[in-house]
Amino acid sequence: MAYQRVADLADVAIGTAHQVHVGGEPVAVVRVDAETVKAVHDTCSHAQFSLSEGWVEDNQIECALHGSSFDLDTGRPLSLPAFKPVPVYGCEVRDDAIWVDPDQQRNDAPVPRHF
């Protein structure tokens, strides 16, 4: 799979996350500043909850359910109760659009699955 256009840049306000689906997986695209957007799997590694419903600050996304924060570059958890990282995906801004490639996973985190 190659990069896929998932949203317009204007669809995601600075300091927020927006859920999209790429290859059947939920992905949180996070607009860090005017030009920078990052992409992580949209499911918290601690519980089945959407990270895009949380808060964004200082290159981190915080899960609204239990408060675990994740680094947007590495996917690693920065606070408990999560202790497993979330996948980080290739993400680019081109021509005022956001593009994500889930095959360009930037870490070795497993896709969160909660049964």
N, C-alpha and C. Protein backbone atom coordinates (compact mmCIF):
# COMPACT_ATOMS: atom_id res chain seq x y z
N MET A 1 0.85 -1.17 0.00
CA MET A 1 0.00 0.00 0.00
C MET A 1 0.90 1.24 0.00
N ALA A 2 0.51 2.25 -0.71
CA ALA A 2 1.26 3.50 -0.78
C ALA A 2 0.55 4.55 0.06
N TYR A 3 1.14 5.73 0.07
CA TYR A 3 0.49 6.84 0.78
C TYR A 3 -0.92 7.04 0.23
N GLN A 4 -1.86 7.28 1.15
CA GLN A 4 -3.24 7.54 0.78
C GLN A 4 -3.66 8.89 1.33
N ARG A 5 -4.37 9.63 0.53
CA ARG A 5 -4.92 10.91 0.97
C ARG A 5 -6.07 10.62 1.94
N VAL A 6 -5.98 11.17 3.15
CA VAL A 6 -6.99 10.84 4.17
C VAL A 6 -7.82 12.04 4.61
N ALA A 7 -7.32 13.25 4.40
CA ALA A 7 -8.06 14.44 4.84
C ALA A 7 -7.40 15.69 4.26
N ASP A 8 -8.15 16.76 4.26
CA ASP A 8 -7.58 18.07 3.95
C ASP A 8 -6.92 18.60 5.20
N LEU A 9 -5.86 19.34 5.05
CA LEU A 9 -5.17 19.93 6.20
C LEU A 9 -6.12 20.80 7.01
N ALA A 10 -7.01 21.50 6.34
CA ALA A 10 -7.96 22.38 7.02
C ALA A 10 -8.97 21.61 7.88
N ASP A 11 -9.10 20.30 7.66
CA ASP A 11 -10.04 19.48 8.43
C ASP A 11 -9.56 19.21 9.86
N VAL A 12 -8.27 19.42 10.11
CA VAL A 12 -7.69 19.11 11.42
C VAL A 12 -7.11 20.38 12.01
N ALA A 13 -7.72 20.88 13.06
CA ALA A 13 -7.24 22.10 13.71
C ALA A 13 -5.91 21.84 14.42
N ILE A 14 -5.08 22.85 14.51
CA ILE A 14 -3.81 22.74 15.23
C ILE A 14 -4.09 22.33 16.67
N GLY A 15 -3.33 21.34 17.15
CA GLY A 15 -3.48 20.87 18.53
C GLY A 15 -4.61 19.88 18.72
N THR A 16 -5.10 19.30 17.63
CA THR A 16 -6.17 18.31 17.73
C THR A 16 -5.84 17.07 16.92
N ALA A 17 -6.64 16.02 17.14
CA ALA A 17 -6.52 14.78 16.40
C ALA A 17 -7.83 14.51 15.68
N HIS A 18 -7.73 13.76 14.58
CA HIS A 18 -8.89 13.45 13.76
C HIS A 18 -8.78 11.98 13.35
N GLN A 19 -9.85 11.22 13.52
CA GLN A 19 -9.82 9.80 13.16
C GLN A 19 -10.11 9.62 11.67
N VAL A 20 -9.28 8.80 11.03
CA VAL A 20 -9.49 8.37 9.65
C VAL A 20 -9.32 6.85 9.62
N HIS A 21 -9.68 6.23 8.53
CA HIS A 21 -9.45 4.79 8.37
C HIS A 21 -8.57 4.58 7.14
N VAL A 22 -7.52 3.79 7.34
CA VAL A 22 -6.58 3.49 6.27
C VAL A 22 -6.34 1.99 6.28
N GLY A 23 -6.62 1.35 5.17
CA GLY A 23 -6.42 -0.10 5.10
C GLY A 23 -7.25 -0.85 6.13
N GLY A 24 -8.41 -0.31 6.47
CA GLY A 24 -9.29 -0.95 7.44
C GLY A 24 -8.93 -0.69 8.90
N GLU A 25 -7.89 0.07 9.15
CA GLU A 25 -7.46 0.36 10.52
C GLU A 25 -7.77 1.81 10.88
N PRO A 26 -8.18 2.06 12.14
CA PRO A 26 -8.38 3.43 12.58
C PRO A 26 -7.02 4.10 12.84
N VAL A 27 -6.87 5.29 12.32
CA VAL A 27 -5.64 6.05 12.48
C VAL A 27 -5.99 7.44 12.99
N ALA A 28 -5.23 7.91 13.98
CA ALA A 28 -5.38 9.28 14.47
C ALA A 28 -4.35 10.14 13.75
N VAL A 29 -4.82 11.12 12.97
CA VAL A 29 -3.90 12.09 12.40
C VAL A 29 -3.93 13.29 13.34
N VAL A 30 -2.75 13.73 13.73
CA VAL A 30 -2.60 14.75 14.77
C VAL A 30 -1.87 15.94 14.18
N ARG A 31 -2.51 17.09 14.24
CA ARG A 31 -1.88 18.30 13.72
C ARG A 31 -1.14 18.99 14.85
N VAL A 32 0.16 18.92 14.80
CA VAL A 32 1.02 19.46 15.85
C VAL A 32 1.17 20.97 15.72
N ASP A 33 1.35 21.44 14.50
CA ASP A 33 1.46 22.88 14.24
C ASP A 33 0.95 23.16 12.83
N ALA A 34 1.18 24.34 12.33
CA ALA A 34 0.62 24.74 11.03
C ALA A 34 1.02 23.81 9.89
N GLU A 35 2.22 23.25 9.95
CA GLU A 35 2.73 22.44 8.85
C GLU A 35 2.97 20.98 9.19
N THR A 36 2.88 20.60 10.46
CA THR A 36 3.27 19.26 10.89
C THR A 36 2.07 18.43 11.32
N VAL A 37 1.93 17.27 10.68
CA VAL A 37 0.89 16.31 11.03
C VAL A 37 1.56 14.96 11.24
N LYS A 38 1.13 14.25 12.28
CA LYS A 38 1.68 12.93 12.58
C LYS A 38 0.54 11.93 12.65
N ALA A 39 0.87 10.65 12.49
CA ALA A 39 -0.17 9.61 12.46
C ALA A 39 0.21 8.46 13.38
N VAL A 40 -0.74 8.06 14.23
CA VAL A 40 -0.57 6.90 15.11
C VAL A 40 -1.84 6.06 15.03
N HIS A 41 -1.72 4.80 15.41
CA HIS A 41 -2.92 3.96 15.46
C HIS A 41 -3.89 4.61 16.45
N ASP A 42 -5.16 4.59 16.13
CA ASP A 42 -6.13 5.33 16.92
C ASP A 42 -6.71 4.53 18.09
N THR A 43 -6.11 3.41 18.42
CA THR A 43 -6.61 2.63 19.55
C THR A 43 -5.56 2.60 20.65
N CYS A 44 -5.93 3.04 21.84
CA CYS A 44 -5.02 3.01 22.99
C CYS A 44 -4.55 1.58 23.23
N SER A 45 -3.29 1.41 23.54
CA SER A 45 -2.75 0.07 23.79
C SER A 45 -3.19 -0.48 25.15
N HIS A 46 -3.76 0.35 25.99
CA HIS A 46 -4.23 -0.09 27.31
C HIS A 46 -5.67 -0.59 27.26
N ALA A 47 -6.52 0.12 26.55
CA ALA A 47 -7.94 -0.23 26.50
C ALA A 47 -8.49 0.11 25.12
N GLN A 48 -9.60 -0.47 24.78
CA GLN A 48 -10.24 -0.24 23.49
C GLN A 48 -10.88 1.14 23.49
N PHE A 49 -10.08 2.18 23.23
CA PHE A 49 -10.59 3.54 23.23
C PHE A 49 -9.86 4.36 22.18
N SER A 50 -10.57 5.25 21.53
CA SER A 50 -10.03 6.06 20.46
C SER A 50 -9.12 7.16 21.00
N LEU A 51 -7.86 7.16 20.57
CA LEU A 51 -6.93 8.21 20.99
C LEU A 51 -7.33 9.57 20.41
N SER A 52 -7.98 9.57 19.26
CA SER A 52 -8.35 10.85 18.65
C SER A 52 -9.41 11.60 19.47
N GLU A 53 -10.01 10.94 20.44
CA GLU A 53 -10.95 11.61 21.33
C GLU A 53 -10.24 12.28 22.51
N GLY A 54 -8.92 12.12 22.57
CA GLY A 54 -8.14 12.67 23.67
C GLY A 54 -7.59 14.05 23.38
N TRP A 55 -6.50 14.38 24.07
CA TRP A 55 -5.91 15.71 24.00
C TRP A 55 -4.51 15.64 23.42
N VAL A 56 -4.12 16.72 22.75
CA VAL A 56 -2.81 16.82 22.12
C VAL A 56 -2.06 17.98 22.76
N GLU A 57 -0.82 17.70 23.16
CA GLU A 57 0.04 18.73 23.73
C GLU A 57 1.48 18.27 23.70
N ASP A 58 2.39 19.18 23.32
CA ASP A 58 3.83 18.90 23.36
C ASP A 58 4.21 17.58 22.70
N ASN A 59 3.76 17.34 21.47
CA ASN A 59 4.10 16.14 20.70
C ASN A 59 3.63 14.86 21.38
N GLN A 60 2.52 14.96 22.13
CA GLN A 60 1.93 13.81 22.80
C GLN A 60 0.43 13.79 22.55
N ILE A 61 -0.13 12.58 22.61
CA ILE A 61 -1.58 12.45 22.59
C ILE A 61 -1.98 11.69 23.84
N GLU A 62 -2.99 12.19 24.54
CA GLU A 62 -3.43 11.60 25.80
C GLU A 62 -4.79 10.93 25.60
N CYS A 63 -4.89 9.69 26.04
CA CYS A 63 -6.14 8.94 25.96
C CYS A 63 -7.13 9.53 26.96
N ALA A 64 -8.33 9.82 26.50
CA ALA A 64 -9.36 10.43 27.35
C ALA A 64 -9.95 9.45 28.36
N LEU A 65 -9.76 8.15 28.15
CA LEU A 65 -10.37 7.17 29.05
C LEU A 65 -9.63 7.04 30.38
N HIS A 66 -8.33 6.77 30.32
CA HIS A 66 -7.56 6.55 31.55
C HIS A 66 -6.34 7.46 31.69
N GLY A 67 -6.10 8.35 30.72
CA GLY A 67 -5.04 9.34 30.87
C GLY A 67 -3.65 8.94 30.42
N SER A 68 -3.49 7.79 29.78
CA SER A 68 -2.17 7.44 29.26
C SER A 68 -1.81 8.37 28.12
N SER A 69 -0.56 8.84 28.10
CA SER A 69 -0.07 9.68 27.02
C SER A 69 0.94 8.91 26.19
N PHE A 70 0.98 9.21 24.88
CA PHE A 70 1.89 8.54 23.96
C PHE A 70 2.68 9.56 23.18
N ASP A 71 3.97 9.29 22.98
CA ASP A 71 4.84 10.13 22.18
C ASP A 71 4.46 9.95 20.71
N LEU A 72 4.25 11.04 19.99
CA LEU A 72 3.80 10.96 18.60
C LEU A 72 4.90 10.55 17.63
N ASP A 73 6.17 10.60 18.04
CA ASP A 73 7.27 10.17 17.18
C ASP A 73 7.62 8.70 17.38
N THR A 74 7.55 8.23 18.61
CA THR A 74 7.98 6.85 18.92
C THR A 74 6.81 5.92 19.22
N GLY A 75 5.67 6.49 19.60
CA GLY A 75 4.52 5.68 19.99
C GLY A 75 4.60 5.16 21.41
N ARG A 76 5.71 5.39 22.08
CA ARG A 76 5.87 4.81 23.43
C ARG A 76 4.99 5.54 24.44
N PRO A 77 4.49 4.77 25.40
CA PRO A 77 3.67 5.40 26.44
C PRO A 77 4.54 6.24 27.37
N LEU A 78 4.02 7.38 27.76
CA LEU A 78 4.73 8.29 28.65
C LEU A 78 4.14 8.30 30.05
N SER A 79 2.99 7.61 30.20
CA SER A 79 2.35 7.54 31.51
C SER A 79 1.50 6.28 31.59
N LEU A 80 1.32 5.80 32.80
CA LEU A 80 0.48 4.63 33.04
C LEU A 80 -0.99 5.05 32.95
N PRO A 81 -1.89 4.12 32.72
CA PRO A 81 -1.74 2.69 32.85
C PRO A 81 -1.20 1.97 31.61
N ALA A 82 -1.06 2.64 30.47
CA ALA A 82 -0.50 1.97 29.29
C ALA A 82 0.97 1.69 29.50
N PHE A 83 1.40 0.52 29.02
CA PHE A 83 2.83 0.20 29.07
C PHE A 83 3.34 -0.33 27.74
N LYS A 84 2.44 -0.49 26.75
CA LYS A 84 2.84 -0.90 25.40
C LYS A 84 2.72 0.30 24.47
N PRO A 85 3.62 0.38 23.48
CA PRO A 85 3.53 1.49 22.52
C PRO A 85 2.39 1.29 21.53
N VAL A 86 2.05 2.35 20.81
CA VAL A 86 1.10 2.28 19.70
C VAL A 86 1.88 2.46 18.40
N PRO A 87 1.40 1.87 17.30
CA PRO A 87 2.08 2.05 16.01
C PRO A 87 2.09 3.51 15.56
N VAL A 88 3.20 3.91 14.96
CA VAL A 88 3.37 5.24 14.37
C VAL A 88 3.54 5.02 12.87
N TYR A 89 2.82 5.78 12.06
CA TYR A 89 2.81 5.58 10.61
C TYR A 89 3.41 6.75 9.85
N GLY A 90 3.88 6.45 8.65
CA GLY A 90 4.35 7.50 7.75
C GLY A 90 3.23 8.48 7.46
N CYS A 91 3.53 9.77 7.55
CA CYS A 91 2.51 10.80 7.36
C CYS A 91 3.17 12.01 6.71
N GLU A 92 2.51 12.56 5.71
CA GLU A 92 3.03 13.73 5.00
C GLU A 92 1.92 14.72 4.72
N VAL A 93 2.32 15.98 4.55
CA VAL A 93 1.40 17.01 4.08
C VAL A 93 1.86 17.40 2.69
N ARG A 94 0.95 17.25 1.73
CA ARG A 94 1.24 17.62 0.34
C ARG A 94 0.05 18.40 -0.22
N ASP A 95 0.32 19.56 -0.79
CA ASP A 95 -0.73 20.36 -1.42
C ASP A 95 -1.95 20.53 -0.52
N ASP A 96 -1.71 20.88 0.74
CA ASP A 96 -2.77 21.12 1.72
C ASP A 96 -3.64 19.89 1.99
N ALA A 97 -3.07 18.71 1.79
CA ALA A 97 -3.77 17.46 2.10
C ALA A 97 -2.88 16.60 2.99
N ILE A 98 -3.51 15.74 3.79
CA ILE A 98 -2.79 14.83 4.68
C ILE A 98 -2.76 13.45 4.04
N TRP A 99 -1.57 12.86 3.99
CA TRP A 99 -1.35 11.55 3.38
C TRP A 99 -0.75 10.62 4.42
N VAL A 100 -1.25 9.38 4.50
CA VAL A 100 -0.76 8.39 5.47
C VAL A 100 -0.45 7.09 4.73
N ASP A 101 0.65 6.46 5.12
CA ASP A 101 1.01 5.13 4.59
C ASP A 101 1.17 4.17 5.76
N PRO A 102 0.18 3.31 6.02
CA PRO A 102 0.27 2.39 7.15
C PRO A 102 1.34 1.32 6.97
N ASP A 103 1.81 1.12 5.75
CA ASP A 103 2.89 0.16 5.54
C ASP A 103 4.25 0.73 5.95
N GLN A 104 4.31 2.02 6.15
CA GLN A 104 5.54 2.65 6.64
C GLN A 104 5.42 2.87 8.14
N GLN A 105 5.32 1.76 8.86
CA GLN A 105 5.25 1.87 10.32
C GLN A 105 6.63 2.24 10.83
N ARG A 106 6.69 3.27 11.66
CA ARG A 106 7.98 3.83 12.11
C ARG A 106 8.50 3.22 13.39
N ASN A 107 7.77 2.25 13.95
CA ASN A 107 8.23 1.55 15.14
C ASN A 107 7.80 0.09 15.02
N ASP A 108 8.11 -0.72 16.02
CA ASP A 108 7.76 -2.14 15.94
C ASP A 108 6.59 -2.50 16.86
N ALA A 109 5.77 -1.52 17.20
CA ALA A 109 4.63 -1.76 18.08
C ALA A 109 3.58 -2.62 17.37
N PRO A 110 3.02 -3.59 18.08
CA PRO A 110 1.93 -4.37 17.49
C PRO A 110 0.66 -3.53 17.40
N VAL A 111 -0.18 -3.84 16.44
CA VAL A 111 -1.46 -3.16 16.33
C VAL A 111 -2.30 -3.54 17.55
N PRO A 112 -2.83 -2.55 18.27
CA PRO A 112 -3.60 -2.86 19.49
C PRO A 112 -4.85 -3.68 19.16
N ARG A 113 -4.99 -4.81 19.82
CA ARG A 113 -6.16 -5.66 19.67
C ARG A 113 -6.64 -6.00 21.07
N HIS A 114 -7.89 -5.75 21.34
CA HIS A 114 -8.46 -6.03 22.66
C HIS A 114 -9.65 -6.96 22.45
N PHE A 115 -9.59 -8.10 23.09
CA PHE A 115 -10.67 -9.08 22.92
C PHE A 115 -11.40 -9.30 24.22
